[in-house]
Amino acid sequence: MADRRVGESEAFSAFRPSRFFQERCEWYFYTREGAIEGPFRLKREAEVRLENYIKVMVSGMLATDDKTSMDSFQ
């Protein structure tokens, strides 16, 4: 998955830190809204969930000021 914002150049995104981190053998990701989503057993699971999260946010199905976790979208 490309870790790049819409309209962001490839050169710029190469320097942006990863959204993913691992703690105690479980994976998490940061959202642009400041939330932390997880835990996930595998990094690939976190990547897929981030892709889904972004699709939902771009679609407008969830208000950006809503602090609801993506758990309801599993």
PDB file of N, CA and C in Angstrom:
ATOM      1  N   MET A   1       0.836  -1.180   0.000  1.00  0.00           N
ATOM      2  CA  MET A   1       0.000   0.000   0.000  1.00  0.00           C
ATOM      3  C   MET A   1       0.878   1.239   0.000  1.00  0.00           C
ATOM      4  N   ALA A   2       0.553   2.194  -0.805  1.00  0.00           N
ATOM      5  CA  ALA A   2       1.298   3.442  -0.820  1.00  0.00           C
ATOM      6  C   ALA A   2       0.904   4.263   0.399  1.00  0.00           C
ATOM      7  N   ASP A   3       1.892   4.740   1.104  1.00  0.00           N
ATOM      8  CA  ASP A   3       1.633   5.571   2.281  1.00  0.00           C
ATOM      9  C   ASP A   3       1.742   7.030   1.853  1.00  0.00           C
ATOM     10  N   ARG A   4       0.794   7.444   0.991  1.00  0.00           N
ATOM     11  CA  ARG A   4       0.858   8.772   0.398  1.00  0.00           C
ATOM     12  C   ARG A   4      -0.521   9.402   0.435  1.00  0.00           C
ATOM     13  N   ARG A   5      -0.585  10.669   0.730  1.00  0.00           N
ATOM     14  CA  ARG A   5      -1.849  11.395   0.731  1.00  0.00           C
ATOM     15  C   ARG A   5      -2.223  11.763  -0.693  1.00  0.00           C
ATOM     16  N   VAL A   6      -3.512  11.943  -0.932  1.00  0.00           N
ATOM     17  CA  VAL A   6      -3.998  12.340  -2.245  1.00  0.00           C
ATOM     18  C   VAL A   6      -3.329  13.644  -2.640  1.00  0.00           C
ATOM     19  N   GLY A   7      -2.746  13.671  -3.837  1.00  0.00           N
ATOM     20  CA  GLY A   7      -2.090  14.871  -4.331  1.00  0.00           C
ATOM     21  C   GLY A   7      -0.675  15.071  -3.830  1.00  0.00           C
ATOM     22  N   GLU A   8      -0.185  14.178  -3.016  1.00  0.00           N
ATOM     23  CA  GLU A   8       1.160  14.313  -2.451  1.00  0.00           C
ATOM     24  C   GLU A   8       2.167  13.680  -3.402  1.00  0.00           C
ATOM     25  N   SER A   9       3.249  14.367  -3.667  1.00  0.00           N
ATOM     26  CA  SER A   9       4.244  13.832  -4.592  1.00  0.00           C
ATOM     27  C   SER A   9       4.974  12.650  -3.985  1.00  0.00           C
ATOM     28  N   GLU A  10       5.468  11.760  -4.840  1.00  0.00           N
ATOM     29  CA  GLU A  10       6.200  10.582  -4.373  1.00  0.00           C
ATOM     30  C   GLU A  10       7.455  10.990  -3.601  1.00  0.00           C
ATOM     31  N   ALA A  11       8.118  12.037  -4.045  1.00  0.00           N
ATOM     32  CA  ALA A  11       9.341  12.493  -3.367  1.00  0.00           C
ATOM     33  C   ALA A  11       9.038  12.929  -1.939  1.00  0.00           C
ATOM     34  N   PHE A  12       7.926  13.646  -1.743  1.00  0.00           N
ATOM     35  CA  PHE A  12       7.573  14.104  -0.399  1.00  0.00           C
ATOM     36  C   PHE A  12       7.201  12.947   0.506  1.00  0.00           C
ATOM     37  N   SER A  13       6.393  12.020  -0.018  1.00  0.00           N
ATOM     38  CA  SER A  13       5.907  10.930   0.821  1.00  0.00           C
ATOM     39  C   SER A  13       7.022  10.008   1.270  1.00  0.00           C
ATOM     40  N   ALA A  14       8.123   9.968   0.557  1.00  0.00           N
ATOM     41  CA  ALA A  14       9.236   9.100   0.937  1.00  0.00           C
ATOM     42  C   ALA A  14       9.811   9.500   2.291  1.00  0.00           C
ATOM     43  N   PHE A  15       9.602  10.737   2.705  1.00  0.00           N
ATOM     44  CA  PHE A  15      10.163  11.224   3.963  1.00  0.00           C
ATOM     45  C   PHE A  15       9.167  11.218   5.109  1.00  0.00           C
ATOM     46  N   ARG A  16       7.899  10.923   4.832  1.00  0.00           N
ATOM     47  CA  ARG A  16       6.897  10.913   5.889  1.00  0.00           C
ATOM     48  C   ARG A  16       7.015   9.624   6.693  1.00  0.00           C
ATOM     49  N   PRO A  17       6.973   9.706   8.005  1.00  0.00           N
ATOM     50  CA  PRO A  17       7.096   8.495   8.826  1.00  0.00           C
ATOM     51  C   PRO A  17       5.925   7.544   8.603  1.00  0.00           C
ATOM     52  N   SER A  18       6.157   6.297   8.850  1.00  0.00           N
ATOM     53  CA  SER A  18       5.139   5.276   8.669  1.00  0.00           C
ATOM     54  C   SER A  18       3.989   5.468   9.646  1.00  0.00           C
ATOM     55  N   ARG A  19       2.827   5.078   9.228  1.00  0.00           N
ATOM     56  CA  ARG A  19       1.657   5.109  10.102  1.00  0.00           C
ATOM     57  C   ARG A  19       1.616   3.889  11.000  1.00  0.00           C
ATOM     58  N   PHE A  20       2.430   2.900  10.724  1.00  0.00           N
ATOM     59  CA  PHE A  20       2.365   1.622  11.427  1.00  0.00           C
ATOM     60  C   PHE A  20       3.414   1.530  12.515  1.00  0.00           C
ATOM     61  N   PHE A  21       3.036   0.873  13.611  1.00  0.00           N
ATOM     62  CA  PHE A  21       4.020   0.577  14.661  1.00  0.00           C
ATOM     63  C   PHE A  21       3.629  -0.727  15.330  1.00  0.00           C
ATOM     64  N   GLN A  22       4.613  -1.332  15.954  1.00  0.00           N
ATOM     65  CA  GLN A  22       4.401  -2.619  16.612  1.00  0.00           C
ATOM     66  C   GLN A  22       4.705  -2.478  18.089  1.00  0.00           C
ATOM     67  N   GLU A  23       3.838  -3.062  18.905  1.00  0.00           N
ATOM     68  CA  GLU A  23       4.031  -3.069  20.354  1.00  0.00           C
ATOM     69  C   GLU A  23       3.590  -4.434  20.873  1.00  0.00           C
ATOM     70  N   ARG A  24       4.478  -5.099  21.606  1.00  0.00           N
ATOM     71  CA  ARG A  24       4.175  -6.426  22.169  1.00  0.00           C
ATOM     72  C   ARG A  24       3.642  -7.393  21.121  1.00  0.00           C
ATOM     73  N   CYS A  25       4.317  -7.452  19.991  1.00  0.00           N
ATOM     74  CA  CYS A  25       3.981  -8.389  18.894  1.00  0.00           C
ATOM     75  C   CYS A  25       2.636  -8.098  18.228  1.00  0.00           C
ATOM     76  N   GLU A  26       2.049  -6.942  18.466  1.00  0.00           N
ATOM     77  CA  GLU A  26       0.799  -6.568  17.817  1.00  0.00           C
ATOM     78  C   GLU A  26       1.017  -5.275  17.040  1.00  0.00           C
ATOM     79  N   TRP A  27       0.297  -5.145  15.922  1.00  0.00           N
ATOM     80  CA  TRP A  27       0.451  -3.994  15.032  1.00  0.00           C
ATOM     81  C   TRP A  27      -0.688  -3.002  15.206  1.00  0.00           C
ATOM     82  N   TYR A  28      -0.363  -1.735  15.026  1.00  0.00           N
ATOM     83  CA  TYR A  28      -1.304  -0.623  15.131  1.00  0.00           C
ATOM     84  C   TYR A  28      -1.009   0.356  13.991  1.00  0.00           C
ATOM     85  N   PHE A  29      -1.976   1.252  13.726  1.00  0.00           N
ATOM     86  CA  PHE A  29      -1.701   2.360  12.813  1.00  0.00           C
ATOM     87  C   PHE A  29      -2.314   3.638  13.343  1.00  0.00           C
ATOM     88  N   TYR A  30      -1.681   4.752  12.962  1.00  0.00           N
ATOM     89  CA  TYR A  30      -2.170   6.079  13.304  1.00  0.00           C
ATOM     90  C   TYR A  30      -3.069   6.570  12.172  1.00  0.00           C
ATOM     91  N   THR A  31      -4.126   7.272  12.529  1.00  0.00           N
ATOM     92  CA  THR A  31      -4.963   7.911  11.516  1.00  0.00           C
ATOM     93  C   THR A  31      -4.581   9.384  11.425  1.00  0.00           C
ATOM     94  N   ARG A  32      -4.945  10.008  10.335  1.00  0.00           N
ATOM     95  CA  ARG A  32      -4.693  11.438  10.161  1.00  0.00           C
ATOM     96  C   ARG A  32      -5.437  12.241  11.225  1.00  0.00           C
ATOM     97  N   GLU A  33      -6.540  11.671  11.722  1.00  0.00           N
ATOM     98  CA  GLU A  33      -7.353  12.351  12.734  1.00  0.00           C
ATOM     99  C   GLU A  33      -6.776  12.229  14.139  1.00  0.00           C
ATOM    100  N   GLY A  34      -5.685  11.498  14.286  1.00  0.00           N
ATOM    101  CA  GLY A  34      -5.015  11.393  15.576  1.00  0.00           C
ATOM    102  C   GLY A  34      -5.381  10.157  16.388  1.00  0.00           C
ATOM    103  N   ALA A  35      -6.173   9.269  15.826  1.00  0.00           N
ATOM    104  CA  ALA A  35      -6.556   8.045  16.531  1.00  0.00           C
ATOM    105  C   ALA A  35      -5.517   6.952  16.288  1.00  0.00           C
ATOM    106  N   ILE A  36      -5.522   5.974  17.164  1.00  0.00           N
ATOM    107  CA  ILE A  36      -4.699   4.787  16.990  1.00  0.00           C
ATOM    108  C   ILE A  36      -5.651   3.615  16.834  1.00  0.00           C
ATOM    109  N   GLU A  37      -5.486   2.844  15.762  1.00  0.00           N
ATOM    110  CA  GLU A  37      -6.339   1.691  15.491  1.00  0.00           C
ATOM    111  C   GLU A  37      -5.530   0.415  15.673  1.00  0.00           C
ATOM    112  N   GLY A  38      -6.126  -0.589  16.281  1.00  0.00           N
ATOM    113  CA  GLY A  38      -5.468  -1.865  16.506  1.00  0.00           C
ATOM    114  C   GLY A  38      -5.979  -2.453  17.793  1.00  0.00           C
ATOM    115  N   PRO A  39      -5.455  -3.542  18.207  1.00  0.00           N
ATOM    116  CA  PRO A  39      -4.274  -4.245  17.682  1.00  0.00           C
ATOM    117  C   PRO A  39      -4.644  -5.222  16.569  1.00  0.00           C
ATOM    118  N   PHE A  40      -3.638  -5.519  15.748  1.00  0.00           N
ATOM    119  CA  PHE A  40      -3.739  -6.498  14.681  1.00  0.00           C
ATOM    120  C   PHE A  40      -2.600  -7.488  14.857  1.00  0.00           C
ATOM    121  N   ARG A  41      -2.875  -8.735  14.575  1.00  0.00           N
ATOM    122  CA  ARG A  41      -1.877  -9.784  14.751  1.00  0.00           C
ATOM    123  C   ARG A  41      -0.735  -9.654  13.751  1.00  0.00           C
ATOM    124  N   LEU A  42      -1.072  -9.284  12.511  1.00  0.00           N
ATOM    125  CA  LEU A  42      -0.075  -9.162  11.453  1.00  0.00           C
ATOM    126  C   LEU A  42      -0.061  -7.742  10.897  1.00  0.00           C
ATOM    127  N   LYS A  43       1.094  -7.309  10.425  1.00  0.00           N
ATOM    128  CA  LYS A  43       1.187  -5.977   9.826  1.00  0.00           C
ATOM    129  C   LYS A  43       0.272  -5.887   8.612  1.00  0.00           C
ATOM    130  N   ARG A  44       0.176  -6.962   7.840  1.00  0.00           N
ATOM    131  CA  ARG A  44      -0.684  -6.945   6.649  1.00  0.00           C
ATOM    132  C   ARG A  44      -2.142  -6.698   7.026  1.00  0.00           C
ATOM    133  N   GLU A  45      -2.579  -7.232   8.161  1.00  0.00           N
ATOM    134  CA  GLU A  45      -3.948  -6.965   8.630  1.00  0.00           C
ATOM    135  C   GLU A  45      -4.130  -5.474   8.912  1.00  0.00           C
ATOM    136  N   ALA A  46      -3.143  -4.869   9.531  1.00  0.00           N
ATOM    137  CA  ALA A  46      -3.202  -3.428   9.812  1.00  0.00           C
ATOM    138  C   ALA A  46      -3.223  -2.632   8.506  1.00  0.00           C
ATOM    139  N   GLU A  47      -2.450  -3.063   7.517  1.00  0.00           N
ATOM    140  CA  GLU A  47      -2.415  -2.368   6.224  1.00  0.00           C
ATOM    141  C   GLU A  47      -3.781  -2.422   5.537  1.00  0.00           C
ATOM    142  N   VAL A  48      -4.406  -3.587   5.569  1.00  0.00           N
ATOM    143  CA  VAL A  48      -5.726  -3.740   4.950  1.00  0.00           C
ATOM    144  C   VAL A  48      -6.755  -2.874   5.672  1.00  0.00           C
ATOM    145  N   ARG A  49      -6.719  -2.874   6.986  1.00  0.00           N
ATOM    146  CA  ARG A  49      -7.662  -2.047   7.759  1.00  0.00           C
ATOM    147  C   ARG A  49      -7.443  -0.559   7.502  1.00  0.00           C
ATOM    148  N   LEU A  50      -6.173  -0.142   7.354  1.00  0.00           N
ATOM    149  CA  LEU A  50      -5.906   1.260   7.030  1.00  0.00           C
ATOM    150  C   LEU A  50      -6.465   1.596   5.650  1.00  0.00           C
ATOM    151  N   GLU A  51      -6.299   0.715   4.691  1.00  0.00           N
ATOM    152  CA  GLU A  51      -6.866   0.935   3.358  1.00  0.00           C
ATOM    153  C   GLU A  51      -8.380   1.109   3.450  1.00  0.00           C
ATOM    154  N   ASN A  52      -9.042   0.256   4.226  1.00  0.00           N
ATOM    155  CA  ASN A  52     -10.494   0.357   4.416  1.00  0.00           C
ATOM    156  C   ASN A  52     -10.868   1.652   5.132  1.00  0.00           C
ATOM    157  N   TYR A  53     -10.101   2.010   6.137  1.00  0.00           N
ATOM    158  CA  TYR A  53     -10.333   3.251   6.883  1.00  0.00           C
ATOM    159  C   TYR A  53     -10.288   4.447   5.938  1.00  0.00           C
ATOM    160  N   ILE A  54      -9.270   4.481   5.099  1.00  0.00           N
ATOM    161  CA  ILE A  54      -9.116   5.601   4.159  1.00  0.00           C
ATOM    162  C   ILE A  54     -10.291   5.641   3.188  1.00  0.00           C
ATOM    163  N   LYS A  55     -10.717   4.489   2.682  1.00  0.00           N
ATOM    164  CA  LYS A  55     -11.869   4.441   1.772  1.00  0.00           C
ATOM    165  C   LYS A  55     -13.117   5.009   2.426  1.00  0.00           C
ATOM    166  N   VAL A  56     -13.344   4.643   3.689  1.00  0.00           N
ATOM    167  CA  VAL A  56     -14.516   5.146   4.407  1.00  0.00           C
ATOM    168  C   VAL A  56     -14.409   6.658   4.605  1.00  0.00           C
ATOM    169  N   MET A  57     -13.248   7.136   5.003  1.00  0.00           N
ATOM    170  CA  MET A  57     -13.074   8.567   5.250  1.00  0.00           C
ATOM    171  C   MET A  57     -13.229   9.379   3.968  1.00  0.00           C
ATOM    172  N   VAL A  58     -12.689   8.890   2.870  1.00  0.00           N
ATOM    173  CA  VAL A  58     -12.786   9.588   1.586  1.00  0.00           C
ATOM    174  C   VAL A  58     -14.223   9.582   1.073  1.00  0.00           C
ATOM    175  N   SER A  59     -14.952   8.519   1.365  1.00  0.00           N
ATOM    176  CA  SER A  59     -16.331   8.397   0.886  1.00  0.00           C
ATOM    177  C   SER A  59     -17.284   9.362   1.584  1.00  0.00           C
ATOM    178  N   GLY A  60     -16.898   9.853   2.760  1.00  0.00           N
ATOM    179  CA  GLY A  60     -17.772  10.737   3.518  1.00  0.00           C
ATOM    180  C   GLY A  60     -18.801   9.994   4.350  1.00  0.00           C
ATOM    181  N   MET A  61     -18.686   8.665   4.432  1.00  0.00           N
ATOM    182  CA  MET A  61     -19.641   7.863   5.203  1.00  0.00           C
ATOM    183  C   MET A  61     -19.517   8.115   6.705  1.00  0.00           C
ATOM    184  N   LEU A  62     -18.385   8.613   7.141  1.00  0.00           N
ATOM    185  CA  LEU A  62     -18.146   8.872   8.553  1.00  0.00           C
ATOM    186  C   LEU A  62     -17.631  10.294   8.687  1.00  0.00           C
ATOM    187  N   ALA A  63     -18.250  11.083   9.533  1.00  0.00           N
ATOM    188  CA  ALA A  63     -17.819  12.465   9.729  1.00  0.00           C
ATOM    189  C   ALA A  63     -16.392  12.481  10.261  1.00  0.00           C
ATOM    190  N   THR A  64     -15.554  13.398   9.773  1.00  0.00           N
ATOM    191  CA  THR A  64     -14.151  13.443  10.179  1.00  0.00           C
ATOM    192  C   THR A  64     -13.973  13.864  11.622  1.00  0.00           C
ATOM    193  N   ASP A  65     -14.980  14.507  12.221  1.00  0.00           N
ATOM    194  CA  ASP A  65     -14.859  14.892  13.625  1.00  0.00           C
ATOM    195  C   ASP A  65     -15.389  13.809  14.554  1.00  0.00           C
ATOM    196  N   ASP A  66     -15.868  12.708  13.995  1.00  0.00           N
ATOM    197  CA  ASP A  66     -16.368  11.584  14.783  1.00  0.00           C
ATOM    198  C   ASP A  66     -15.187  10.776  15.289  1.00  0.00           C
ATOM    199  N   LYS A  67     -15.093  10.586  16.590  1.00  0.00           N
ATOM    200  CA  LYS A  67     -13.960   9.860  17.202  1.00  0.00           C
ATOM    201  C   LYS A  67     -14.235   8.368  17.315  1.00  0.00           C
ATOM    202  N   THR A  68     -15.264   7.894  16.621  1.00  0.00           N
ATOM    203  CA  THR A  68     -15.614   6.483  16.665  1.00  0.00           C
ATOM    204  C   THR A  68     -14.504   5.645  16.049  1.00  0.00           C
ATOM    205  N   SER A  69     -14.175   4.547  16.678  1.00  0.00           N
ATOM    206  CA  SER A  69     -13.181   3.617  16.160  1.00  0.00           C
ATOM    207  C   SER A  69     -13.725   2.910  14.932  1.00  0.00           C
ATOM    208  N   MET A  70     -12.830   2.441  14.112  1.00  0.00           N
ATOM    209  CA  MET A  70     -13.202   1.697  12.917  1.00  0.00           C
ATOM    210  C   MET A  70     -13.682   0.295  13.264  1.00  0.00           C
ATOM    211  N   ASP A  71     -13.731  -0.089  14.532  1.00  0.00           N
ATOM    212  CA  ASP A  71     -14.165  -1.424  14.926  1.00  0.00           C
ATOM    213  C   ASP A  71     -15.528  -1.765  14.343  1.00  0.00           C
ATOM    214  N   SER A  72     -16.377  -0.788  14.189  1.00  0.00           N
ATOM    215  CA  SER A  72     -17.707  -1.061  13.655  1.00  0.00           C
ATOM    216  C   SER A  72     -17.679  -1.355  12.158  1.00  0.00           C
ATOM    217  N   PHE A  73     -16.537  -1.158  11.511  1.00  0.00           N
ATOM    218  CA  PHE A  73     -16.418  -1.392  10.069  1.00  0.00           C
ATOM    219  C   PHE A  73     -15.650  -2.662   9.749  1.00  0.00           C
ATOM    220  N   GLN A  74     -15.455  -3.544  10.708  1.00  0.00           N
ATOM    221  CA  GLN A  74     -14.716  -4.794  10.472  1.00  0.00           C
ATOM    222  C   GLN A  74     -15.488  -5.701   9.566  1.00  0.00           C
TER     223      GLN A  74
END
